Each structure stands twice: as C-alpha cells, then as structure tokens.
N, C-alpha and C. Protein backbone atom coordinates (compact mmCIF):
# COMPACT_ATOMS: atom_id res chain seq x y z
N UNK A 1 71.88 -59.94 3.54
CA UNK A 1 71.34 -61.27 3.73
C UNK A 1 71.73 -61.74 5.12
N UNK A 2 70.79 -61.48 6.02
CA UNK A 2 71.07 -61.84 7.40
C UNK A 2 69.77 -62.10 8.14
N UNK A 3 69.92 -62.69 9.28
CA UNK A 3 68.83 -62.98 10.18
C UNK A 3 69.12 -62.25 11.47
N UNK A 4 68.20 -61.43 11.93
CA UNK A 4 68.40 -60.69 13.18
C UNK A 4 67.72 -61.45 14.31
N UNK A 5 68.49 -61.78 15.33
CA UNK A 5 67.98 -62.52 16.48
C UNK A 5 67.46 -61.50 17.49
N UNK A 6 66.15 -61.45 17.68
CA UNK A 6 65.57 -60.52 18.64
C UNK A 6 65.25 -61.21 19.96
N UNK A 7 65.22 -62.53 19.96
CA UNK A 7 65.05 -63.33 21.18
C UNK A 7 65.71 -64.67 20.97
N UNK A 8 66.81 -64.93 21.67
CA UNK A 8 67.61 -66.13 21.40
C UNK A 8 67.09 -67.39 22.06
N UNK A 9 66.21 -67.27 23.05
CA UNK A 9 65.71 -68.45 23.72
C UNK A 9 66.73 -69.07 24.65
N UNK A 10 66.41 -70.27 25.12
CA UNK A 10 67.24 -70.95 26.12
C UNK A 10 68.58 -71.42 25.54
N UNK A 11 68.53 -72.12 24.42
CA UNK A 11 69.76 -72.63 23.81
C UNK A 11 69.49 -72.82 22.32
N UNK A 12 69.93 -71.86 21.54
CA UNK A 12 69.77 -71.92 20.09
C UNK A 12 71.15 -71.88 19.47
N UNK A 13 71.46 -72.90 18.67
CA UNK A 13 72.78 -72.99 18.06
C UNK A 13 72.65 -73.24 16.56
N UNK A 14 73.74 -73.01 15.87
CA UNK A 14 73.84 -73.31 14.44
C UNK A 14 74.38 -74.73 14.32
N UNK A 15 73.67 -75.58 13.55
CA UNK A 15 74.08 -76.97 13.41
C UNK A 15 73.88 -77.46 11.99
N UNK A 16 74.79 -78.34 11.56
CA UNK A 16 74.61 -79.14 10.34
C UNK A 16 74.77 -80.59 10.78
N UNK A 17 75.28 -81.47 9.93
CA UNK A 17 75.42 -82.87 10.32
C UNK A 17 76.66 -83.14 11.17
N UNK A 18 77.50 -82.14 11.39
CA UNK A 18 78.64 -82.28 12.28
C UNK A 18 79.94 -82.60 11.59
N UNK A 19 80.94 -82.87 12.43
CA UNK A 19 82.31 -83.11 11.97
C UNK A 19 82.61 -84.60 12.00
N UNK A 20 82.98 -85.13 10.87
CA UNK A 20 83.26 -86.56 10.78
C UNK A 20 84.75 -86.74 10.53
N UNK A 21 85.38 -87.65 11.27
CA UNK A 21 86.77 -87.99 11.02
C UNK A 21 87.79 -87.21 11.84
N UNK A 22 87.37 -86.61 12.94
CA UNK A 22 88.31 -85.83 13.75
C UNK A 22 88.39 -86.31 15.19
N UNK A 23 87.82 -87.48 15.49
CA UNK A 23 87.85 -87.99 16.86
C UNK A 23 89.27 -88.27 17.33
N UNK A 24 90.16 -88.68 16.42
CA UNK A 24 91.53 -88.97 16.82
C UNK A 24 92.24 -87.71 17.33
N UNK A 25 91.65 -86.54 17.06
CA UNK A 25 92.20 -85.27 17.54
C UNK A 25 91.41 -84.75 18.75
N UNK A 26 90.48 -85.56 19.25
CA UNK A 26 89.69 -85.18 20.40
C UNK A 26 88.49 -84.32 20.09
N UNK A 27 88.08 -84.29 18.81
CA UNK A 27 86.93 -83.48 18.40
C UNK A 27 85.74 -84.40 18.14
N UNK A 28 84.68 -84.21 18.91
CA UNK A 28 83.49 -85.04 18.71
C UNK A 28 82.80 -84.65 17.41
N UNK A 29 81.96 -85.56 16.91
CA UNK A 29 81.29 -85.26 15.65
C UNK A 29 80.25 -84.16 15.82
N UNK A 30 79.58 -84.10 16.96
CA UNK A 30 78.61 -83.03 17.22
C UNK A 30 77.54 -82.98 16.15
N UNK A 31 77.07 -81.78 15.84
CA UNK A 31 76.04 -81.60 14.83
C UNK A 31 74.64 -81.72 15.40
N UNK A 32 73.67 -81.68 14.52
CA UNK A 32 72.26 -81.72 14.92
C UNK A 32 71.95 -83.01 15.67
N UNK A 33 71.18 -82.90 16.74
CA UNK A 33 70.81 -84.09 17.50
C UNK A 33 69.82 -84.96 16.76
N UNK A 34 69.03 -84.38 15.88
CA UNK A 34 68.08 -85.14 15.07
C UNK A 34 68.37 -84.81 13.61
N UNK A 35 69.32 -85.53 13.04
CA UNK A 35 69.72 -85.27 11.66
C UNK A 35 68.56 -85.48 10.68
N UNK A 36 67.68 -86.40 11.01
CA UNK A 36 66.53 -86.67 10.14
C UNK A 36 65.64 -85.42 10.04
N UNK A 37 65.35 -84.78 11.17
CA UNK A 37 64.51 -83.57 11.16
C UNK A 37 65.21 -82.45 10.40
N UNK A 38 66.52 -82.27 10.62
CA UNK A 38 67.25 -81.22 9.89
C UNK A 38 67.26 -81.52 8.40
N UNK A 39 67.45 -82.78 8.03
CA UNK A 39 67.46 -83.17 6.62
C UNK A 39 66.13 -82.82 5.95
N UNK A 40 65.02 -83.20 6.58
CA UNK A 40 63.70 -82.91 6.01
C UNK A 40 63.47 -81.41 5.91
N UNK A 41 63.78 -80.68 6.98
CA UNK A 41 63.59 -79.22 6.97
C UNK A 41 64.40 -78.59 5.84
N UNK A 42 65.65 -79.01 5.69
CA UNK A 42 66.49 -78.44 4.63
C UNK A 42 65.94 -78.72 3.24
N UNK A 43 65.54 -79.95 2.99
CA UNK A 43 65.02 -80.28 1.66
C UNK A 43 63.76 -79.49 1.36
N UNK A 44 62.91 -79.28 2.36
CA UNK A 44 61.68 -78.52 2.16
C UNK A 44 61.93 -77.01 2.06
N UNK A 45 63.11 -76.57 2.48
CA UNK A 45 63.48 -75.16 2.33
C UNK A 45 64.28 -74.93 1.05
N UNK A 46 64.51 -75.99 0.28
CA UNK A 46 65.23 -75.85 -0.99
C UNK A 46 66.73 -75.95 -0.86
N UNK A 47 67.22 -76.48 0.25
CA UNK A 47 68.66 -76.59 0.50
C UNK A 47 69.17 -78.01 0.28
N UNK A 48 70.49 -78.14 0.23
CA UNK A 48 71.10 -79.46 0.34
C UNK A 48 70.82 -79.96 1.75
N UNK A 49 70.76 -81.27 1.93
CA UNK A 49 70.32 -81.82 3.21
C UNK A 49 71.23 -81.49 4.39
N UNK A 50 72.52 -81.22 4.16
CA UNK A 50 73.47 -80.95 5.24
C UNK A 50 73.68 -79.45 5.47
N UNK A 51 72.85 -78.60 4.93
CA UNK A 51 73.00 -77.16 5.10
C UNK A 51 72.78 -76.78 6.56
N UNK A 52 73.58 -75.83 7.05
CA UNK A 52 73.46 -75.40 8.45
C UNK A 52 72.13 -74.69 8.68
N UNK A 53 71.50 -75.04 9.79
CA UNK A 53 70.25 -74.41 10.22
C UNK A 53 70.31 -74.11 11.70
N UNK A 54 69.19 -73.72 12.27
CA UNK A 54 69.12 -73.43 13.70
C UNK A 54 68.54 -74.62 14.45
N UNK A 55 69.25 -75.04 15.50
CA UNK A 55 68.74 -76.04 16.43
C UNK A 55 68.25 -75.28 17.66
N UNK A 56 66.96 -75.42 17.95
CA UNK A 56 66.32 -74.61 18.98
C UNK A 56 65.88 -75.53 20.12
N UNK A 57 66.30 -75.19 21.34
CA UNK A 57 65.97 -75.97 22.52
C UNK A 57 65.03 -75.18 23.41
N UNK A 58 63.87 -75.71 23.67
CA UNK A 58 62.85 -75.13 24.55
C UNK A 58 62.27 -73.80 24.08
N UNK A 59 62.40 -73.46 22.83
CA UNK A 59 61.67 -72.35 22.23
C UNK A 59 62.00 -70.97 22.75
N UNK A 60 60.98 -70.10 22.74
CA UNK A 60 61.11 -68.69 23.09
C UNK A 60 62.13 -67.96 22.23
N UNK A 61 62.08 -68.24 20.94
CA UNK A 61 62.99 -67.65 19.97
C UNK A 61 62.22 -66.70 19.07
N UNK A 62 62.84 -65.56 18.78
CA UNK A 62 62.27 -64.59 17.84
C UNK A 62 63.38 -64.13 16.90
N UNK A 63 63.07 -64.15 15.61
CA UNK A 63 64.03 -63.68 14.61
C UNK A 63 63.30 -62.81 13.60
N UNK A 64 64.05 -61.93 12.96
CA UNK A 64 63.50 -61.07 11.91
C UNK A 64 64.33 -61.30 10.65
N UNK A 65 63.60 -61.47 9.54
CA UNK A 65 64.23 -61.68 8.24
C UNK A 65 64.41 -60.33 7.55
N UNK A 66 65.46 -60.20 6.74
CA UNK A 66 65.63 -58.94 6.00
C UNK A 66 65.54 -59.14 4.49
N UNK A 67 65.16 -60.34 4.06
CA UNK A 67 64.85 -60.57 2.65
C UNK A 67 63.94 -61.79 2.55
N UNK A 68 63.44 -62.06 1.34
CA UNK A 68 62.54 -63.20 1.16
C UNK A 68 63.31 -64.51 1.27
N UNK A 69 62.71 -65.44 2.00
CA UNK A 69 63.29 -66.76 2.21
C UNK A 69 62.19 -67.79 2.25
N UNK A 70 62.59 -69.03 2.00
CA UNK A 70 61.72 -70.16 2.28
C UNK A 70 62.25 -70.78 3.56
N UNK A 71 61.36 -71.06 4.48
CA UNK A 71 61.76 -71.70 5.73
C UNK A 71 60.97 -72.99 5.90
N UNK A 72 61.49 -73.85 6.76
CA UNK A 72 60.76 -75.05 7.16
C UNK A 72 61.15 -75.38 8.59
N UNK A 73 60.14 -75.68 9.38
CA UNK A 73 60.31 -76.06 10.78
C UNK A 73 60.02 -77.55 10.91
N UNK A 74 60.91 -78.28 11.58
CA UNK A 74 60.69 -79.70 11.88
C UNK A 74 61.17 -79.98 13.29
N UNK A 75 60.59 -80.97 13.92
CA UNK A 75 61.03 -81.36 15.26
C UNK A 75 59.90 -81.33 16.25
N UNK A 76 60.18 -80.80 17.45
CA UNK A 76 59.21 -80.77 18.54
C UNK A 76 57.92 -80.04 18.20
N UNK A 77 56.93 -80.23 19.06
CA UNK A 77 55.60 -79.63 18.87
C UNK A 77 55.59 -78.23 19.48
N UNK A 78 55.93 -77.25 18.69
CA UNK A 78 56.02 -75.85 19.10
C UNK A 78 54.95 -75.03 18.38
N UNK A 79 54.69 -73.84 18.89
CA UNK A 79 53.91 -72.85 18.15
C UNK A 79 54.90 -71.99 17.38
N UNK A 80 54.86 -72.07 16.07
CA UNK A 80 55.73 -71.29 15.20
C UNK A 80 54.84 -70.33 14.44
N UNK A 81 55.14 -69.04 14.53
CA UNK A 81 54.28 -68.02 13.94
C UNK A 81 55.08 -66.97 13.19
N UNK A 82 54.48 -66.48 12.11
CA UNK A 82 54.94 -65.26 11.46
C UNK A 82 53.84 -64.25 11.75
N UNK A 83 54.15 -63.27 12.59
CA UNK A 83 53.11 -62.37 13.06
C UNK A 83 52.11 -63.19 13.85
N UNK A 84 50.85 -63.21 13.40
CA UNK A 84 49.82 -64.00 14.08
C UNK A 84 49.47 -65.28 13.32
N UNK A 85 50.14 -65.51 12.18
CA UNK A 85 49.85 -66.67 11.33
C UNK A 85 50.66 -67.88 11.80
N UNK A 86 49.97 -68.95 12.21
CA UNK A 86 50.65 -70.18 12.62
C UNK A 86 51.26 -70.88 11.42
N UNK A 87 52.47 -71.38 11.60
CA UNK A 87 53.19 -72.09 10.55
C UNK A 87 53.23 -73.57 10.92
N UNK A 88 52.70 -74.45 10.08
CA UNK A 88 52.72 -75.88 10.41
C UNK A 88 54.12 -76.47 10.24
N UNK A 89 54.41 -77.46 11.05
CA UNK A 89 55.69 -78.17 10.93
C UNK A 89 55.71 -78.96 9.63
N UNK A 90 56.89 -79.10 9.06
CA UNK A 90 57.05 -79.93 7.88
C UNK A 90 56.47 -79.36 6.61
N UNK A 91 56.32 -78.04 6.52
CA UNK A 91 55.80 -77.38 5.32
C UNK A 91 56.74 -76.26 4.90
N UNK A 92 56.91 -76.09 3.61
CA UNK A 92 57.66 -74.95 3.08
C UNK A 92 56.82 -73.70 3.27
N UNK A 93 57.44 -72.65 3.79
CA UNK A 93 56.73 -71.41 4.06
C UNK A 93 57.56 -70.24 3.56
N UNK A 94 56.91 -69.32 2.87
CA UNK A 94 57.58 -68.12 2.38
C UNK A 94 57.54 -67.04 3.45
N UNK A 95 58.71 -66.46 3.75
CA UNK A 95 58.77 -65.30 4.64
C UNK A 95 59.27 -64.12 3.83
N UNK A 96 58.80 -62.94 4.18
CA UNK A 96 59.16 -61.71 3.47
C UNK A 96 60.13 -60.90 4.30
N UNK A 97 60.76 -59.92 3.66
CA UNK A 97 61.64 -59.00 4.37
C UNK A 97 60.84 -58.34 5.49
N UNK A 98 61.45 -58.22 6.64
CA UNK A 98 60.91 -57.62 7.87
C UNK A 98 59.85 -58.48 8.55
N UNK A 99 59.65 -59.73 8.10
CA UNK A 99 58.76 -60.64 8.83
C UNK A 99 59.42 -61.06 10.14
N UNK A 100 58.62 -61.12 11.19
CA UNK A 100 59.08 -61.59 12.49
C UNK A 100 58.56 -63.01 12.70
N UNK A 101 59.47 -63.92 13.00
CA UNK A 101 59.13 -65.31 13.26
C UNK A 101 59.31 -65.56 14.75
N UNK A 102 58.31 -66.14 15.38
CA UNK A 102 58.43 -66.49 16.80
C UNK A 102 58.18 -67.98 16.97
N UNK A 103 58.95 -68.56 17.87
CA UNK A 103 58.86 -69.98 18.16
C UNK A 103 58.67 -70.12 19.66
N UNK A 104 57.50 -70.59 20.08
CA UNK A 104 57.24 -70.75 21.51
C UNK A 104 56.82 -72.18 21.79
N UNK A 105 56.93 -72.55 23.03
CA UNK A 105 56.61 -73.91 23.42
C UNK A 105 57.82 -74.54 24.05
N UNK A 106 57.93 -75.79 24.05
CA UNK A 106 57.18 -76.82 23.32
C UNK A 106 56.08 -77.44 24.18
N UNK A 107 55.14 -78.07 23.49
CA UNK A 107 54.15 -78.91 24.16
C UNK A 107 54.71 -80.33 24.32
N UNK A 108 55.41 -80.81 23.31
CA UNK A 108 56.04 -82.13 23.34
C UNK A 108 57.40 -82.00 22.67
N UNK A 109 58.37 -82.76 23.17
CA UNK A 109 59.72 -82.68 22.63
C UNK A 109 60.41 -81.44 23.20
N UNK A 110 61.69 -81.37 23.02
CA UNK A 110 62.39 -80.19 23.54
C UNK A 110 63.23 -79.49 22.48
N UNK A 111 63.36 -80.07 21.29
CA UNK A 111 64.18 -79.44 20.26
C UNK A 111 63.44 -79.41 18.93
N UNK A 112 63.83 -78.43 18.14
CA UNK A 112 63.31 -78.32 16.80
C UNK A 112 64.36 -77.68 15.91
N UNK A 113 64.16 -77.80 14.61
CA UNK A 113 65.14 -77.31 13.64
C UNK A 113 64.46 -76.40 12.65
N UNK A 114 65.09 -75.24 12.44
CA UNK A 114 64.61 -74.27 11.47
C UNK A 114 65.61 -74.20 10.33
N UNK A 115 65.16 -74.60 9.14
CA UNK A 115 65.98 -74.48 7.93
C UNK A 115 65.55 -73.23 7.19
N UNK A 116 66.53 -72.52 6.65
CA UNK A 116 66.31 -71.25 5.95
C UNK A 116 66.95 -71.38 4.58
N UNK A 117 66.19 -71.07 3.53
CA UNK A 117 66.74 -71.21 2.18
C UNK A 117 68.05 -70.44 2.06
N UNK A 118 69.00 -71.05 1.36
CA UNK A 118 70.34 -70.49 1.24
C UNK A 118 71.25 -71.00 2.33
N UNK A 119 70.72 -71.18 3.52
CA UNK A 119 71.48 -71.69 4.64
C UNK A 119 72.21 -70.59 5.40
N UNK A 120 72.75 -70.98 6.53
CA UNK A 120 73.50 -70.05 7.38
C UNK A 120 74.94 -70.04 6.92
N UNK A 121 75.49 -68.86 6.75
CA UNK A 121 76.81 -68.69 6.15
C UNK A 121 77.84 -68.24 7.18
N UNK A 122 78.18 -69.16 8.09
CA UNK A 122 79.27 -68.91 9.03
C UNK A 122 80.48 -69.71 8.55
N UNK A 123 81.63 -69.42 9.14
CA UNK A 123 82.86 -70.09 8.72
C UNK A 123 82.77 -71.60 8.93
N UNK A 124 83.37 -72.33 8.01
CA UNK A 124 83.48 -73.78 8.15
C UNK A 124 84.72 -74.09 8.97
N UNK A 125 84.55 -74.89 10.02
CA UNK A 125 85.67 -75.31 10.87
C UNK A 125 85.68 -76.84 10.86
N UNK A 126 86.76 -77.43 10.40
CA UNK A 126 86.88 -78.88 10.30
C UNK A 126 85.70 -79.47 9.53
N UNK A 127 85.43 -78.91 8.38
CA UNK A 127 84.40 -79.39 7.44
C UNK A 127 82.97 -79.27 7.96
N UNK A 128 82.71 -78.39 8.91
CA UNK A 128 81.36 -78.23 9.44
C UNK A 128 81.14 -76.79 9.90
N UNK A 129 79.89 -76.36 9.85
CA UNK A 129 79.50 -75.05 10.38
C UNK A 129 78.87 -75.18 11.77
N UNK A 130 78.80 -76.40 12.30
CA UNK A 130 78.14 -76.66 13.58
C UNK A 130 78.84 -75.99 14.74
N UNK A 131 78.03 -75.57 15.70
CA UNK A 131 78.55 -75.01 16.95
C UNK A 131 78.98 -76.15 17.85
N UNK A 132 80.21 -76.08 18.36
CA UNK A 132 80.71 -77.01 19.36
C UNK A 132 80.88 -76.22 20.65
N UNK A 133 79.91 -76.34 21.56
CA UNK A 133 79.91 -75.53 22.77
C UNK A 133 81.06 -75.89 23.70
N UNK A 134 81.40 -77.18 23.82
CA UNK A 134 82.52 -77.56 24.69
C UNK A 134 83.85 -77.09 24.13
N UNK A 135 83.99 -77.17 22.81
CA UNK A 135 85.24 -76.75 22.18
C UNK A 135 85.30 -75.26 21.92
N UNK A 136 84.16 -74.58 22.04
CA UNK A 136 84.09 -73.13 21.83
C UNK A 136 84.51 -72.73 20.42
N UNK A 137 84.03 -73.49 19.42
CA UNK A 137 84.32 -73.14 18.03
C UNK A 137 83.14 -73.51 17.15
N UNK A 138 83.19 -73.06 15.91
CA UNK A 138 82.11 -73.31 14.95
C UNK A 138 80.93 -72.41 15.22
N UNK A 139 79.92 -72.51 14.37
CA UNK A 139 78.72 -71.71 14.53
C UNK A 139 79.03 -70.22 14.54
N UNK A 140 78.40 -69.50 15.44
CA UNK A 140 78.64 -68.07 15.60
C UNK A 140 79.53 -67.88 16.82
N UNK A 141 80.82 -67.78 16.59
CA UNK A 141 81.82 -67.58 17.66
C UNK A 141 81.85 -68.71 18.68
N UNK A 142 81.45 -69.92 18.28
CA UNK A 142 81.54 -71.08 19.16
C UNK A 142 80.59 -71.06 20.33
N UNK A 143 79.50 -70.33 20.22
CA UNK A 143 78.57 -70.18 21.35
C UNK A 143 77.13 -70.25 20.88
N UNK A 144 76.22 -70.34 21.84
CA UNK A 144 74.79 -70.26 21.53
C UNK A 144 74.47 -68.84 21.09
N UNK A 145 73.40 -68.70 20.33
CA UNK A 145 72.99 -67.37 19.89
C UNK A 145 72.51 -66.54 21.08
N UNK A 146 72.66 -65.22 20.95
CA UNK A 146 72.22 -64.27 21.97
C UNK A 146 71.31 -63.24 21.34
N UNK A 147 70.49 -62.61 22.18
CA UNK A 147 69.66 -61.50 21.70
C UNK A 147 70.56 -60.46 21.03
N UNK A 148 70.14 -59.98 19.88
CA UNK A 148 70.89 -58.97 19.15
C UNK A 148 71.89 -59.51 18.15
N UNK A 149 72.11 -60.82 18.13
CA UNK A 149 73.04 -61.40 17.16
C UNK A 149 72.52 -61.21 15.74
N UNK A 150 73.45 -61.10 14.82
CA UNK A 150 73.14 -61.06 13.40
C UNK A 150 73.77 -62.30 12.78
N UNK A 151 72.92 -63.15 12.20
CA UNK A 151 73.37 -64.41 11.62
C UNK A 151 73.43 -64.24 10.11
N UNK A 152 74.62 -64.39 9.51
CA UNK A 152 74.73 -64.23 8.05
C UNK A 152 74.10 -65.41 7.31
N UNK A 153 73.41 -65.09 6.22
CA UNK A 153 72.77 -66.10 5.38
C UNK A 153 73.41 -66.10 4.00
N UNK A 154 73.47 -67.27 3.38
CA UNK A 154 73.94 -67.37 1.99
C UNK A 154 72.83 -66.92 1.05
N UNK A 155 73.22 -66.60 -0.17
CA UNK A 155 72.22 -66.22 -1.17
C UNK A 155 71.34 -67.41 -1.51
N UNK A 156 70.10 -67.12 -1.85
CA UNK A 156 69.22 -68.16 -2.36
C UNK A 156 69.74 -68.62 -3.72
N UNK A 157 69.59 -69.91 -4.00
CA UNK A 157 69.96 -70.42 -5.32
C UNK A 157 68.94 -69.94 -6.34
N UNK A 158 69.28 -70.04 -7.61
CA UNK A 158 68.34 -69.66 -8.67
C UNK A 158 67.08 -70.53 -8.60
N UNK A 159 67.28 -71.81 -8.32
CA UNK A 159 66.14 -72.73 -8.18
C UNK A 159 65.22 -72.28 -7.04
N UNK A 160 65.82 -71.86 -5.93
CA UNK A 160 65.03 -71.39 -4.80
C UNK A 160 64.29 -70.10 -5.14
N UNK A 161 64.93 -69.20 -5.88
CA UNK A 161 64.26 -67.96 -6.27
C UNK A 161 63.03 -68.23 -7.14
N UNK A 162 63.11 -69.23 -8.02
CA UNK A 162 61.94 -69.62 -8.81
C UNK A 162 60.85 -70.15 -7.89
N UNK A 163 61.24 -70.96 -6.91
CA UNK A 163 60.30 -71.51 -5.95
C UNK A 163 59.64 -70.39 -5.14
N UNK A 164 60.43 -69.39 -4.74
CA UNK A 164 59.89 -68.23 -4.01
C UNK A 164 58.83 -67.53 -4.85
N UNK A 165 59.12 -67.34 -6.14
CA UNK A 165 58.13 -66.71 -7.03
C UNK A 165 56.83 -67.52 -7.05
N UNK A 166 56.96 -68.84 -7.13
CA UNK A 166 55.77 -69.70 -7.15
C UNK A 166 55.00 -69.62 -5.82
N UNK A 167 55.72 -69.63 -4.70
CA UNK A 167 55.05 -69.53 -3.40
C UNK A 167 54.38 -68.17 -3.23
N UNK A 168 55.01 -67.13 -3.75
CA UNK A 168 54.42 -65.79 -3.68
C UNK A 168 53.09 -65.78 -4.43
N UNK A 169 53.05 -66.41 -5.60
CA UNK A 169 51.82 -66.46 -6.39
C UNK A 169 50.75 -67.28 -5.66
N UNK A 170 51.15 -68.37 -4.99
CA UNK A 170 50.19 -69.16 -4.21
C UNK A 170 49.59 -68.31 -3.10
N UNK A 171 50.44 -67.52 -2.43
CA UNK A 171 49.96 -66.69 -1.33
C UNK A 171 48.94 -65.68 -1.85
N UNK A 172 49.20 -65.09 -3.00
CA UNK A 172 48.28 -64.12 -3.59
C UNK A 172 46.96 -64.79 -3.95
N UNK A 173 47.04 -66.04 -4.42
CA UNK A 173 45.83 -66.74 -4.87
C UNK A 173 44.98 -67.27 -3.71
N UNK A 174 45.45 -67.19 -2.47
CA UNK A 174 44.71 -67.75 -1.35
C UNK A 174 43.70 -66.74 -0.81
N UNK A 175 42.60 -66.61 -1.51
CA UNK A 175 41.52 -65.74 -1.06
C UNK A 175 40.22 -66.36 -1.51
N UNK A 176 39.16 -65.93 -0.92
CA UNK A 176 37.85 -66.42 -1.34
C UNK A 176 36.81 -65.37 -1.03
N UNK A 177 35.69 -65.49 -1.68
CA UNK A 177 34.56 -64.58 -1.45
C UNK A 177 33.32 -65.44 -1.23
N UNK A 178 32.43 -64.99 -0.37
CA UNK A 178 31.22 -65.79 -0.15
C UNK A 178 30.38 -65.86 -1.42
N UNK A 179 29.80 -67.02 -1.64
CA UNK A 179 28.93 -67.18 -2.81
C UNK A 179 27.56 -66.58 -2.51
N UNK A 180 27.00 -65.93 -3.51
CA UNK A 180 25.67 -65.33 -3.32
C UNK A 180 24.62 -66.04 -4.13
C-alpha cells in the first residue's frame, strides 16, 4: 500500500490540519494552506476530514497507485488525469492498481489538494503528519516529495472498500450503444 512518485513537481508536501498547541515551543501550526479544500477532498475520498493528503504547488506531479483507491482533487484549476481521462475537481474517483495520475497546470490558483482513501501513513510528529519545511520534520523526512519517493498509505476502511465496489460497478455500467 504505497504511492510511487514519478514526478514530484515544484513543491509537493504531505499535509493535514497541522500542529495545534505547540507555539510556546517555537513550532508553528503549519498544515494545509486551505483546510477547507483538504476537508472536502478527504470527505469525498472516504476519509476523516483531518487525514493527511498531498498539497501540490504549481502542478507537474505524476504518481502511480499500486492498489485500488478512491481519490478526490480540490483546490486550484488544474488538469488532473488518469491516463487520458480528465478527472473533475470535487468528485470521488476510483483509481486502480498501476493507474498513473498526472496533475498539470494551474490555469488559476497555485495550490491543490489530493486526498487518497486510507490516507498517507507517515509518522505522527507532535500530533500531526504535516511536513514542516522550516523545522525539517513531519511528512516524508521533513521535506518536499522528490521523484522516486515511495509514500506509504494506510489501508482502506471497510466502509471505503464497500464504496470502491460500488464505484467499480458504476464504472462498468457507464457504456452506451447507438439506438437503431
């Protein structure tokens, strides 16, 4: 259960809602810059609203999935594709093992959030999985993602697996034939 980063883009980090209650120790709260977008993406991916996801700045990101997941993209106006299929923002989308997701753009805005069912499973530091670039901790080794990184994912919940089955059936049912 992992996500393979084949193109990390300009600045892609792991973020949740951040660290609360540590300012007296010199630690900023950090976290997603648009918590509302991350919250919506997470709920549409079947996660708790504070689950860690990817915060993507200026696009040019490519990732490969190694198992079935539900994803949701929210935020800036980017072209998000699985193969050649465009993925609309704010919609739950089923991805399969070995699917390649690419995020290019943006046309408007500079950041977007990708939520992945199960969430990103990196170590919790001070009650958060968020990357703190100035402090060099959290996220994946305290840094932005790089090409070739492997991002660990948590297992899908049972509820999410049922949802995946339903989305799989919807995908199968999306066909039509011309009427004669």
